[in-house]
Amino acid sequence: IGELTFENNYLVGVPTEQSRNKIFDAIDFQRACQAYIWSVPMTSFYAWKQSLYDMGGEDGQIHYFESYDSKLGGLTYNTSTPYVISFFDVSKQPTMITIPTNEVRGAVHNVWQIGLSQMTEPGQYLIIPEGSETPTSLPEGVKVVESNSNYVFFGVRLMAKSAKQRAQDLDDLTITGLDGKPLSDKGINRPELGVDGKQPRGMAFWSILNEAIQSEPVHERDRMMHDMLRPLGIEKDKPFNPSERQKALLEEAIVVGEIMAKNIDFSKTGRLDQSEYGPENNRWEIATASTPDQNRAYGMDLDGRAAWFYEAVTNDIAMHGMANGGWGQVYLDNYRDENGKGLDGGKHYTLTVRGDVNYAETFWTVTVYNIENRAIINNKMKRADVGSNIAGTQKNEDGNYVFHFAPEKPEGVAAANWVQTNLGEGWFVYFRAYSPSKEFVAQTPETILPNFVLVE
């Protein structure tokens, strides 16, 4: 804070006029930094929505992401399955979603990215505001889901193996009002290039946060943070017109707040018990650091959800294979080599995965993302993955997979065993196991993933 002065002294006197404002600046700066950490899930939601609306999207419109290029910019998208997503405001009207088949799988989430309902079974799902009356004369079998936020995110993956069937499933999926009319008449948006889905920087972050606060009901557990934001000019039902003092504090806090969130995310071991993986000095971590309902013990999963939603979107119990006995998927992340140094796009690393271990009943992948926007790497080869599902993947003479991560393909290495990294760019990976094996979930010594090794 710097030097502070008091009338008489600190114990018996009040702060002087000269120190009073300095102390208030310190209070409000610290609150703004914590507001960044607190708001990561919601600002990510609203920034993601806005990025689609900036390209002409609207409430209820279906957006389809299938190609590599279309997924650039999305927070840690997988490259194995197509995504179908939409945003809509249930405070305007109840919304009906029709899921045509069990090969269309996903969920709906509130603005804090807490799951409201899984959508893994075919049928109709009606989304209504929490506490509102259920409409009468609904078709038989409709599942009614209440949302405690006005805006809702809908996201599914198309799991059918044939492109023809996926196209049919996409056509049969609908988002309508109770009258059966589509919420949007713009048709399906099929972006050729992905949209930047990360939290914005600078004053744009606080503008997005203010938009969310103005648009959404206040949850009881967030009332204290709303009170902390008021001296910074962000207050529900009030315009956001920060003074020069407030603007200066917010512009500095956005930098420090993101640094804090990044540190929580990229250094979970030793801070978040739920992310611990393997023995000491193993650099892998369990990525899904937040519980699906964002509660932990007697508190809110504040650091856990900041760590997860800084780099990812949505959360579901099926994504917590390490905690739920192996059902669904396992997500591990890694940001560092065996010596604890960040992974550098200008260097050459290897990762050896044992070929005699059944990590997953379906398949497993290692996907490369860039640090700056936590999205799949934008490389010339247009591939971010290695794994058991990549055609042409080879084992070495010991029967193991040796994968290479470097700006140029090392001599003698199969193309499928290499991912091209970019000079001057930090990167990290997700190891995804789909239908993980019991041995992998049990973290037996032979199934623990080894560290990345820097090739000198």
Protein backbone atom coordinates (compact mmCIF):
# COMPACT_ATOMS: atom_id res chain seq x y z
CA ILE A 1 0.00 0.00 0.00
CA GLY A 2 2.87 2.33 0.79
CA GLU A 3 3.42 4.70 3.66
CA LEU A 4 0.32 5.54 5.70
CA THR A 5 -0.07 8.29 8.29
CA PHE A 6 -2.50 8.67 11.21
CA GLU A 7 -3.57 11.41 13.57
CA ASN A 8 -1.51 10.60 16.69
CA ASN A 9 -0.65 7.02 15.68
CA TYR A 10 -2.05 3.84 14.14
CA LEU A 11 -3.47 2.43 17.38
CA VAL A 12 -5.25 5.47 18.78
CA GLY A 13 -5.73 7.78 15.80
CA VAL A 14 -7.74 7.99 12.58
CA PRO A 15 -6.09 7.91 9.14
CA THR A 16 -5.03 11.32 7.91
CA GLU A 17 -6.69 12.98 4.94
CA GLN A 18 -3.61 12.08 2.86
CA SER A 19 -3.89 8.34 3.69
CA ARG A 20 -7.67 7.94 3.55
CA ASN A 21 -7.96 7.74 -0.24
CA LYS A 22 -4.88 5.56 -0.54
CA ILE A 23 -6.51 3.02 1.78
CA PHE A 24 -9.79 3.09 -0.16
CA ASP A 25 -7.86 2.55 -3.40
CA ALA A 26 -6.19 -0.51 -1.88
CA ILE A 27 -9.54 -1.90 -0.71
CA ASP A 28 -11.22 -1.44 -4.08
CA PHE A 29 -8.25 -2.72 -6.08
CA GLN A 30 -8.14 -5.91 -4.02
CA ARG A 31 -11.89 -6.35 -4.41
CA ALA A 32 -11.64 -5.94 -8.19
CA CYS A 33 -8.94 -8.62 -8.38
CA GLN A 34 -11.12 -11.03 -6.41
CA ALA A 35 -14.11 -10.09 -8.57
CA TYR A 36 -12.18 -11.38 -11.58
CA ILE A 37 -11.63 -14.76 -9.91
CA TRP A 38 -15.25 -14.89 -8.72
CA SER A 39 -16.75 -14.02 -12.09
CA VAL A 40 -14.66 -16.22 -14.42
CA PRO A 41 -17.49 -18.71 -15.20
CA MET A 42 -20.11 -16.02 -15.88
CA THR A 43 -17.89 -13.65 -17.85
CA SER A 44 -16.73 -16.61 -19.94
CA PHE A 45 -20.38 -17.48 -20.63
CA TYR A 46 -21.29 -13.94 -21.67
CA ALA A 47 -18.10 -13.41 -23.71
CA TRP A 48 -18.73 -16.68 -25.56
CA LYS A 49 -22.31 -15.66 -26.28
CA GLN A 50 -21.26 -12.20 -27.41
CA SER A 51 -18.62 -13.55 -29.79
CA LEU A 52 -21.34 -15.48 -31.63
CA TYR A 53 -23.74 -12.53 -31.63
CA ASP A 54 -20.99 -10.26 -33.00
CA MET A 55 -20.94 -12.46 -36.10
CA GLY A 56 -24.70 -12.12 -36.55
CA GLY A 57 -26.01 -14.77 -34.18
CA GLU A 58 -29.11 -14.38 -32.05
CA ASP A 59 -31.06 -16.05 -29.25
CA GLY A 60 -32.04 -19.60 -30.08
CA GLN A 61 -29.92 -19.88 -33.20
CA ILE A 62 -28.06 -23.17 -33.62
CA HIS A 63 -24.30 -22.93 -34.18
CA TYR A 64 -22.46 -25.92 -35.62
CA PHE A 65 -18.72 -26.49 -35.17
CA GLU A 66 -17.28 -29.47 -37.03
CA SER A 67 -14.07 -28.55 -38.84
CA TYR A 68 -10.68 -27.86 -37.28
CA ASP A 69 -10.78 -24.21 -38.36
CA SER A 70 -14.27 -23.68 -36.95
CA LYS A 71 -13.09 -24.80 -33.52
CA LEU A 72 -10.18 -22.35 -33.35
CA GLY A 73 -10.75 -19.92 -30.48
CA GLY A 74 -13.07 -22.09 -28.40
CA LEU A 75 -11.83 -22.85 -24.89
CA THR A 76 -10.26 -26.33 -25.01
CA TYR A 77 -12.68 -27.76 -27.57
CA ASN A 78 -12.03 -31.37 -28.45
CA THR A 79 -11.32 -32.12 -32.09
CA SER A 80 -12.97 -35.56 -32.15
CA THR A 81 -16.69 -34.74 -32.29
CA PRO A 82 -18.82 -31.93 -33.76
CA TYR A 83 -20.39 -29.41 -31.40
CA VAL A 84 -23.89 -27.92 -31.55
CA ILE A 85 -24.47 -24.95 -29.25
CA SER A 86 -27.03 -22.21 -28.63
CA PHE A 87 -27.86 -19.47 -26.12
CA PHE A 88 -31.36 -18.28 -25.27
CA ASP A 89 -33.22 -16.21 -22.67
CA VAL A 90 -35.94 -18.16 -20.86
CA SER A 91 -37.22 -15.02 -19.15
CA LYS A 92 -38.65 -14.03 -22.53
CA GLN A 93 -40.45 -17.31 -23.16
CA PRO A 94 -40.29 -21.01 -22.22
CA THR A 95 -37.98 -22.87 -24.59
CA MET A 96 -38.49 -26.38 -25.96
CA ILE A 97 -35.53 -28.46 -27.13
CA THR A 98 -36.04 -31.67 -29.08
CA ILE A 99 -33.25 -34.25 -28.88
CA PRO A 100 -33.79 -36.71 -31.74
CA THR A 101 -31.55 -39.64 -30.69
CA ASN A 102 -29.28 -40.88 -27.92
CA GLU A 103 -26.34 -40.22 -30.26
CA VAL A 104 -26.91 -36.52 -29.55
CA ARG A 105 -25.50 -35.96 -26.06
CA GLY A 106 -25.01 -32.90 -23.94
CA ALA A 107 -26.67 -30.64 -21.38
CA VAL A 108 -28.06 -27.21 -20.58
CA HIS A 109 -26.24 -24.89 -18.17
CA ASN A 110 -26.97 -21.63 -16.37
CA VAL A 111 -24.80 -18.53 -16.72
CA TRP A 112 -22.42 -19.79 -14.03
CA GLN A 113 -21.99 -22.91 -16.21
CA ILE A 114 -23.62 -25.14 -13.62
CA GLY A 115 -25.49 -27.98 -15.31
CA LEU A 116 -29.28 -27.75 -15.18
CA SER A 117 -30.03 -31.04 -16.92
CA GLN A 118 -28.24 -33.66 -18.94
CA MET A 119 -29.58 -34.32 -22.41
CA THR A 120 -28.45 -37.85 -23.17
CA GLU A 121 -31.85 -39.37 -23.92
CA PRO A 122 -34.06 -38.55 -26.92
CA GLY A 123 -37.18 -36.54 -26.22
CA GLN A 124 -38.41 -33.04 -25.51
CA TYR A 125 -37.01 -30.77 -22.79
CA LEU A 126 -38.83 -27.60 -21.71
CA ILE A 127 -36.65 -24.94 -20.06
CA ILE A 128 -38.52 -22.44 -17.86
CA PRO A 129 -37.48 -19.81 -15.28
CA GLU A 130 -37.05 -21.10 -11.74
CA GLY A 131 -40.23 -20.76 -9.71
CA SER A 132 -42.50 -20.11 -12.69
CA GLU A 133 -45.62 -22.13 -13.38
CA THR A 134 -45.28 -25.12 -15.64
CA PRO A 135 -47.33 -24.55 -18.80
CA THR A 136 -50.44 -26.71 -19.09
CA SER A 137 -51.28 -29.15 -21.88
CA LEU A 138 -47.69 -30.16 -22.54
CA PRO A 139 -47.08 -33.14 -24.82
CA GLU A 140 -46.64 -36.42 -22.97
CA GLY A 141 -43.13 -37.19 -21.80
CA VAL A 142 -41.78 -33.63 -21.84
CA LYS A 143 -39.07 -33.15 -19.21
CA VAL A 144 -39.41 -29.75 -17.49
CA VAL A 145 -36.15 -28.08 -16.43
CA GLU A 146 -36.05 -24.93 -14.27
CA SER A 147 -33.27 -22.40 -14.79
CA ASN A 148 -32.07 -20.06 -12.04
CA SER A 149 -30.57 -17.73 -14.64
CA ASN A 150 -32.26 -15.92 -17.49
CA TYR A 151 -29.80 -16.92 -20.18
CA VAL A 152 -29.18 -20.62 -20.71
CA PHE A 153 -26.46 -22.39 -22.66
CA PHE A 154 -27.35 -25.48 -24.67
CA GLY A 155 -24.53 -27.68 -25.93
CA VAL A 156 -24.40 -31.19 -27.38
CA ARG A 157 -22.03 -33.39 -29.35
CA LEU A 158 -23.09 -35.35 -32.40
CA MET A 159 -21.80 -38.85 -31.70
CA ALA A 160 -23.04 -40.75 -34.79
CA LYS A 161 -20.15 -42.24 -36.75
CA SER A 162 -21.42 -41.45 -40.26
CA ALA A 163 -21.51 -37.92 -41.63
CA LYS A 164 -24.91 -38.64 -43.18
CA GLN A 165 -26.42 -39.58 -39.82
CA ARG A 166 -24.85 -36.58 -38.08
CA ALA A 167 -26.39 -34.31 -40.71
CA GLN A 168 -29.77 -35.91 -40.15
CA ASP A 169 -29.47 -35.59 -36.39
CA LEU A 170 -28.60 -31.91 -36.78
CA ASP A 171 -31.66 -31.33 -38.96
CA ASP A 172 -33.92 -33.11 -36.46
CA LEU A 173 -32.66 -31.15 -33.45
CA THR A 174 -34.91 -28.14 -32.77
CA ILE A 175 -35.11 -25.17 -30.40
CA THR A 176 -38.59 -23.65 -30.33
CA GLY A 177 -41.16 -21.85 -28.26
CA LEU A 178 -44.27 -23.58 -26.96
CA ASP A 179 -45.96 -22.75 -30.27
CA GLY A 180 -43.46 -24.93 -32.10
CA LYS A 181 -41.91 -22.00 -33.95
CA PRO A 182 -38.09 -21.82 -33.95
CA LEU A 183 -36.69 -19.14 -31.66
CA SER A 184 -34.49 -18.04 -34.55
CA ASP A 185 -35.32 -17.95 -38.23
CA LYS A 186 -31.70 -17.46 -39.30
CA GLY A 187 -31.04 -21.13 -39.78
CA ILE A 188 -27.93 -23.04 -38.68
CA ASN A 189 -24.74 -21.00 -38.39
CA ARG A 190 -21.72 -22.95 -39.69
CA PRO A 191 -18.66 -20.76 -39.01
CA GLU A 192 -15.70 -21.38 -41.30
CA LEU A 193 -13.38 -19.87 -38.71
CA GLY A 194 -13.73 -20.17 -34.97
CA VAL A 195 -14.62 -17.31 -32.66
CA ASP A 196 -12.51 -16.15 -29.73
CA GLY A 197 -14.26 -17.45 -26.64
CA LYS A 198 -11.90 -16.40 -23.87
CA GLN A 199 -12.65 -13.80 -21.23
CA PRO A 200 -11.95 -10.33 -22.70
CA ARG A 201 -9.17 -8.10 -21.43
CA GLY A 202 -9.11 -4.43 -20.49
CA MET A 203 -12.29 -2.50 -19.77
CA ALA A 204 -14.18 -4.87 -22.07
CA PHE A 205 -14.04 -7.44 -19.26
CA TRP A 206 -15.79 -5.14 -16.82
CA SER A 207 -18.36 -4.18 -19.45
CA ILE A 208 -19.18 -7.87 -20.00
CA LEU A 209 -19.40 -8.43 -16.24
CA ASN A 210 -21.70 -5.44 -15.88
CA GLU A 211 -23.90 -6.72 -18.72
CA ALA A 212 -24.22 -10.07 -16.97
CA ILE A 213 -25.04 -8.47 -13.63
CA GLN A 214 -27.70 -6.24 -15.20
CA SER A 215 -29.25 -9.16 -17.11
CA GLU A 216 -29.35 -11.85 -14.45
CA PRO A 217 -30.99 -12.47 -11.07
CA VAL A 218 -28.72 -12.21 -8.04
CA HIS A 219 -28.00 -15.49 -6.30
CA GLU A 220 -27.89 -15.38 -2.52
CA ARG A 221 -24.30 -16.61 -2.33
CA ASP A 222 -23.14 -13.75 -4.61
CA ARG A 223 -24.64 -10.83 -2.68
CA MET A 224 -21.38 -10.09 -0.85
CA MET A 225 -19.49 -9.73 -4.14
CA HIS A 226 -22.16 -7.41 -5.51
CA ASP A 227 -21.55 -5.22 -2.46
CA MET A 228 -17.81 -5.25 -3.15
CA LEU A 229 -18.34 -4.16 -6.75
CA ARG A 230 -20.53 -1.15 -5.89
CA PRO A 231 -17.64 1.24 -5.03
CA LEU A 232 -16.10 0.29 -8.38
CA GLY A 233 -19.14 1.51 -10.32
CA ILE A 234 -20.71 -1.88 -11.08
CA GLU A 235 -24.13 -2.06 -9.46
CA LYS A 236 -27.32 -3.79 -10.52
CA ASP A 237 -29.98 -1.44 -11.93
CA LYS A 238 -27.41 1.36 -12.26
CA PRO A 239 -25.52 2.49 -15.40
CA PHE A 240 -21.83 1.59 -15.62
CA ASN A 241 -20.05 4.93 -16.00
CA PRO A 242 -16.79 4.54 -14.04
CA SER A 243 -15.01 7.64 -12.83
CA GLU A 244 -11.37 8.18 -13.76
CA ARG A 245 -10.37 6.79 -10.36
CA GLN A 246 -12.52 3.68 -10.80
CA LYS A 247 -11.33 3.17 -14.36
CA ALA A 248 -7.67 3.33 -13.29
CA LEU A 249 -8.27 0.74 -10.56
CA LEU A 250 -10.21 -1.56 -12.91
CA GLU A 251 -7.60 -1.35 -15.67
CA GLU A 252 -4.86 -2.41 -13.27
CA ALA A 253 -6.99 -5.05 -11.56
CA ILE A 254 -7.89 -6.75 -14.85
CA VAL A 255 -4.20 -7.51 -15.40
CA VAL A 256 -3.53 -8.68 -11.86
CA GLY A 257 -6.84 -10.56 -11.66
CA GLU A 258 -6.07 -12.56 -14.78
CA ILE A 259 -2.56 -13.29 -13.52
CA MET A 260 -4.08 -14.60 -10.30
CA ALA A 261 -6.57 -16.80 -12.17
CA LYS A 262 -3.84 -18.04 -14.50
CA ASN A 263 -1.63 -18.94 -11.54
CA ILE A 264 -4.46 -20.84 -9.84
CA ASP A 265 -5.18 -22.67 -13.10
CA PHE A 266 -1.67 -23.52 -14.22
CA SER A 267 -0.35 -24.39 -10.74
CA LYS A 268 -3.11 -26.48 -9.17
CA THR A 269 -0.85 -29.06 -7.53
CA GLY A 270 -0.23 -28.03 -3.93
CA ARG A 271 -3.19 -25.66 -3.93
CA LEU A 272 -6.19 -27.73 -5.03
CA ASP A 273 -6.27 -31.22 -3.53
CA GLN A 274 -8.87 -32.34 -6.06
CA SER A 275 -6.36 -31.88 -8.90
CA GLU A 276 -3.53 -33.94 -7.40
CA TYR A 277 -2.40 -36.76 -9.70
CA GLY A 278 0.36 -39.32 -9.47
CA PRO A 279 3.48 -39.24 -7.32
CA GLU A 280 5.48 -36.20 -6.27
CA ASN A 281 7.02 -34.28 -9.19
CA ASN A 282 4.55 -35.71 -11.68
CA ARG A 283 3.48 -32.70 -13.74
CA TRP A 284 0.05 -33.98 -14.77
CA GLU A 285 -3.03 -32.67 -12.96
CA ILE A 286 -6.72 -33.55 -12.92
CA ALA A 287 -8.13 -30.74 -15.05
CA THR A 288 -11.72 -30.80 -13.81
CA ALA A 289 -10.93 -28.83 -10.66
CA SER A 290 -14.46 -27.62 -9.97
CA THR A 291 -17.31 -29.76 -8.75
CA PRO A 292 -20.31 -29.73 -11.13
CA ASP A 293 -22.42 -27.70 -8.66
CA GLN A 294 -19.44 -25.47 -7.69
CA ASN A 295 -19.78 -26.28 -3.98
CA ARG A 296 -17.05 -27.86 -1.88
CA ALA A 297 -17.32 -28.72 1.82
CA TYR A 298 -18.70 -25.61 3.59
CA GLY A 299 -17.81 -23.13 0.87
CA MET A 300 -18.06 -22.29 -2.78
CA ASP A 301 -15.47 -23.92 -5.05
CA LEU A 302 -13.96 -20.50 -5.76
CA ASP A 303 -10.42 -21.42 -6.85
CA GLY A 304 -11.52 -24.70 -8.41
CA ARG A 305 -14.05 -23.12 -10.71
CA ALA A 306 -11.65 -20.27 -11.61
CA ALA A 307 -9.04 -22.88 -12.58
CA TRP A 308 -11.47 -24.88 -14.71
CA PHE A 309 -13.42 -22.09 -16.39
CA TYR A 310 -10.35 -19.99 -17.16
CA GLU A 311 -9.38 -22.70 -19.62
CA ALA A 312 -12.61 -24.61 -20.36
CA VAL A 313 -16.37 -24.37 -20.72
CA THR A 314 -19.26 -26.30 -19.14
CA ASN A 315 -19.01 -28.92 -16.43
CA ASP A 316 -20.77 -32.22 -15.98
CA ILE A 317 -20.44 -35.24 -13.71
CA ALA A 318 -19.57 -37.33 -16.78
CA MET A 319 -16.35 -35.26 -17.12
CA HIS A 320 -15.15 -36.39 -13.67
CA GLY A 321 -14.14 -39.96 -14.38
CA MET A 322 -11.43 -39.95 -11.72
CA ALA A 323 -13.98 -39.07 -9.04
CA ASN A 324 -17.03 -41.03 -10.17
CA GLY A 325 -15.42 -44.45 -10.57
CA GLY A 326 -14.63 -44.24 -14.26
CA TRP A 327 -17.97 -43.33 -15.80
CA GLY A 328 -17.78 -40.88 -18.71
CA GLN A 329 -14.40 -39.29 -19.34
CA VAL A 330 -11.16 -38.38 -17.61
CA TYR A 331 -9.49 -35.04 -18.28
CA LEU A 332 -5.86 -34.55 -17.28
CA ASP A 333 -3.86 -31.42 -18.10
CA ASN A 334 -0.15 -30.66 -18.25
CA TYR A 335 1.60 -27.31 -18.62
CA ARG A 336 5.24 -28.18 -17.77
CA ASP A 337 8.09 -30.51 -18.62
CA GLU A 338 9.81 -32.90 -16.22
CA ASN A 339 11.86 -30.03 -14.76
CA GLY A 340 8.83 -27.86 -14.07
CA LYS A 341 9.49 -25.48 -16.96
CA GLY A 342 6.59 -24.25 -19.10
CA LEU A 343 6.16 -26.03 -22.45
CA ASP A 344 7.74 -23.86 -25.16
CA GLY A 345 6.54 -23.95 -28.77
CA GLY A 346 10.07 -23.40 -30.06
CA LYS A 347 11.48 -26.54 -28.42
CA HIS A 348 11.20 -30.29 -28.97
CA TYR A 349 9.54 -32.53 -26.36
CA THR A 350 8.60 -36.19 -26.21
CA LEU A 351 5.85 -37.97 -24.30
CA THR A 352 6.00 -41.75 -23.96
CA VAL A 353 2.71 -43.54 -23.37
CA ARG A 354 2.81 -47.24 -22.60
CA GLY A 355 1.39 -49.34 -25.39
CA ASP A 356 0.40 -52.28 -23.19
CA VAL A 357 -1.96 -50.30 -20.95
CA ASN A 358 -5.68 -50.02 -21.61
CA TYR A 359 -6.27 -46.36 -20.72
CA ALA A 360 -9.76 -46.19 -22.22
CA GLU A 361 -12.41 -48.57 -23.50
CA THR A 362 -13.27 -46.22 -26.38
CA PHE A 363 -10.15 -44.14 -27.17
CA TRP A 364 -7.76 -41.61 -25.69
CA THR A 365 -6.20 -38.43 -27.08
CA VAL A 366 -3.55 -35.85 -26.24
CA THR A 367 -4.63 -32.44 -27.54
CA VAL A 368 -2.41 -29.34 -27.73
CA TYR A 369 -3.76 -25.89 -26.80
CA ASN A 370 -2.09 -22.50 -26.72
CA ILE A 371 -1.72 -20.62 -23.44
CA GLU A 372 -2.86 -17.21 -24.71
CA ASN A 373 -6.47 -18.13 -25.47
CA ARG A 374 -6.64 -21.74 -24.25
CA ALA A 375 -7.80 -22.94 -27.68
CA ILE A 376 -6.55 -25.65 -30.03
CA ILE A 377 -3.22 -24.74 -31.52
CA ASN A 378 -3.43 -22.94 -34.86
CA ASN A 379 -0.67 -24.73 -36.74
CA LYS A 380 0.02 -25.34 -40.44
CA MET A 381 -0.71 -29.06 -40.22
CA LYS A 382 -4.28 -28.40 -38.97
CA ARG A 383 -4.06 -31.10 -36.33
CA ALA A 384 -3.70 -30.70 -32.57
CA ASP A 385 -3.99 -34.35 -31.49
CA VAL A 386 -2.10 -37.52 -31.08
CA GLY A 387 -3.70 -40.62 -29.63
CA SER A 388 -5.14 -44.06 -30.04
CA ASN A 389 -7.76 -42.82 -32.50
CA ILE A 390 -5.34 -41.14 -34.95
CA ALA A 391 -4.78 -43.17 -38.12
CA GLY A 392 -1.13 -43.99 -38.80
CA THR A 393 -0.01 -43.82 -35.16
CA GLN A 394 3.01 -46.07 -34.60
CA LYS A 395 4.58 -47.80 -31.63
CA ASN A 396 8.33 -48.08 -31.09
CA GLU A 397 10.32 -51.30 -30.78
CA ASP A 398 9.39 -51.52 -27.10
CA GLY A 399 5.70 -51.46 -27.96
CA ASN A 400 5.16 -47.94 -26.58
CA TYR A 401 3.86 -44.75 -28.15
CA VAL A 402 6.44 -41.98 -28.38
CA PHE A 403 4.84 -38.68 -29.30
CA HIS A 404 6.76 -35.61 -30.42
CA PHE A 405 5.84 -31.94 -29.95
CA ALA A 406 8.07 -29.58 -31.90
CA PRO A 407 7.93 -26.80 -34.53
CA GLU A 408 9.39 -29.17 -37.16
CA LYS A 409 8.78 -32.90 -37.57
CA PRO A 410 11.78 -34.80 -36.20
CA GLU A 411 13.53 -37.05 -38.70
CA GLY A 412 12.22 -40.62 -38.81
CA VAL A 413 9.07 -39.87 -36.80
CA ALA A 414 5.69 -40.90 -38.17
CA ALA A 415 3.54 -37.88 -39.01
CA ALA A 416 0.72 -39.16 -36.79
CA ASN A 417 3.09 -39.24 -33.79
CA TRP A 418 3.91 -35.53 -34.07
CA VAL A 419 2.07 -32.26 -33.32
CA GLN A 420 3.51 -29.05 -34.71
CA THR A 421 4.00 -26.30 -32.12
CA ASN A 422 4.54 -22.61 -32.81
CA LEU A 423 7.64 -20.53 -32.13
CA GLY A 424 7.17 -17.96 -29.39
CA GLU A 425 4.00 -19.59 -28.06
CA GLY A 426 3.47 -21.43 -24.80
CA TRP A 427 1.25 -24.50 -24.95
CA PHE A 428 -0.38 -27.14 -22.79
CA VAL A 429 -2.23 -30.41 -23.31
CA TYR A 430 -5.31 -32.32 -22.28
CA PHE A 431 -5.19 -36.09 -22.02
CA ARG A 432 -8.75 -37.30 -22.53
CA ALA A 433 -9.78 -40.88 -21.85
CA TYR A 434 -13.24 -41.75 -23.16
CA SER A 435 -14.80 -44.53 -21.08
CA PRO A 436 -11.62 -44.75 -18.97
CA SER A 437 -10.43 -48.12 -17.76
CA LYS A 438 -10.62 -49.04 -14.09
CA GLU A 439 -6.84 -49.45 -14.02
CA PHE A 440 -6.29 -45.91 -15.30
CA VAL A 441 -8.78 -44.43 -12.83
CA ALA A 442 -7.13 -46.34 -9.98
CA GLN A 443 -3.82 -44.61 -10.84
CA THR A 444 -1.78 -47.80 -10.56
CA PRO A 445 1.98 -47.28 -11.05
CA GLU A 446 1.98 -48.70 -14.57
CA THR A 447 -0.89 -46.44 -15.71
CA ILE A 448 0.45 -43.13 -14.36
CA LEU A 449 1.28 -40.87 -17.28
CA PRO A 450 4.95 -39.83 -17.40
CA ASN A 451 6.26 -36.29 -17.73
CA PHE A 452 7.16 -34.49 -20.93
CA VAL A 453 10.87 -34.74 -21.69
CA LEU A 454 12.79 -31.88 -23.31
CA VAL A 455 14.95 -33.10 -26.18
CA GLU A 456 18.25 -31.20 -25.94
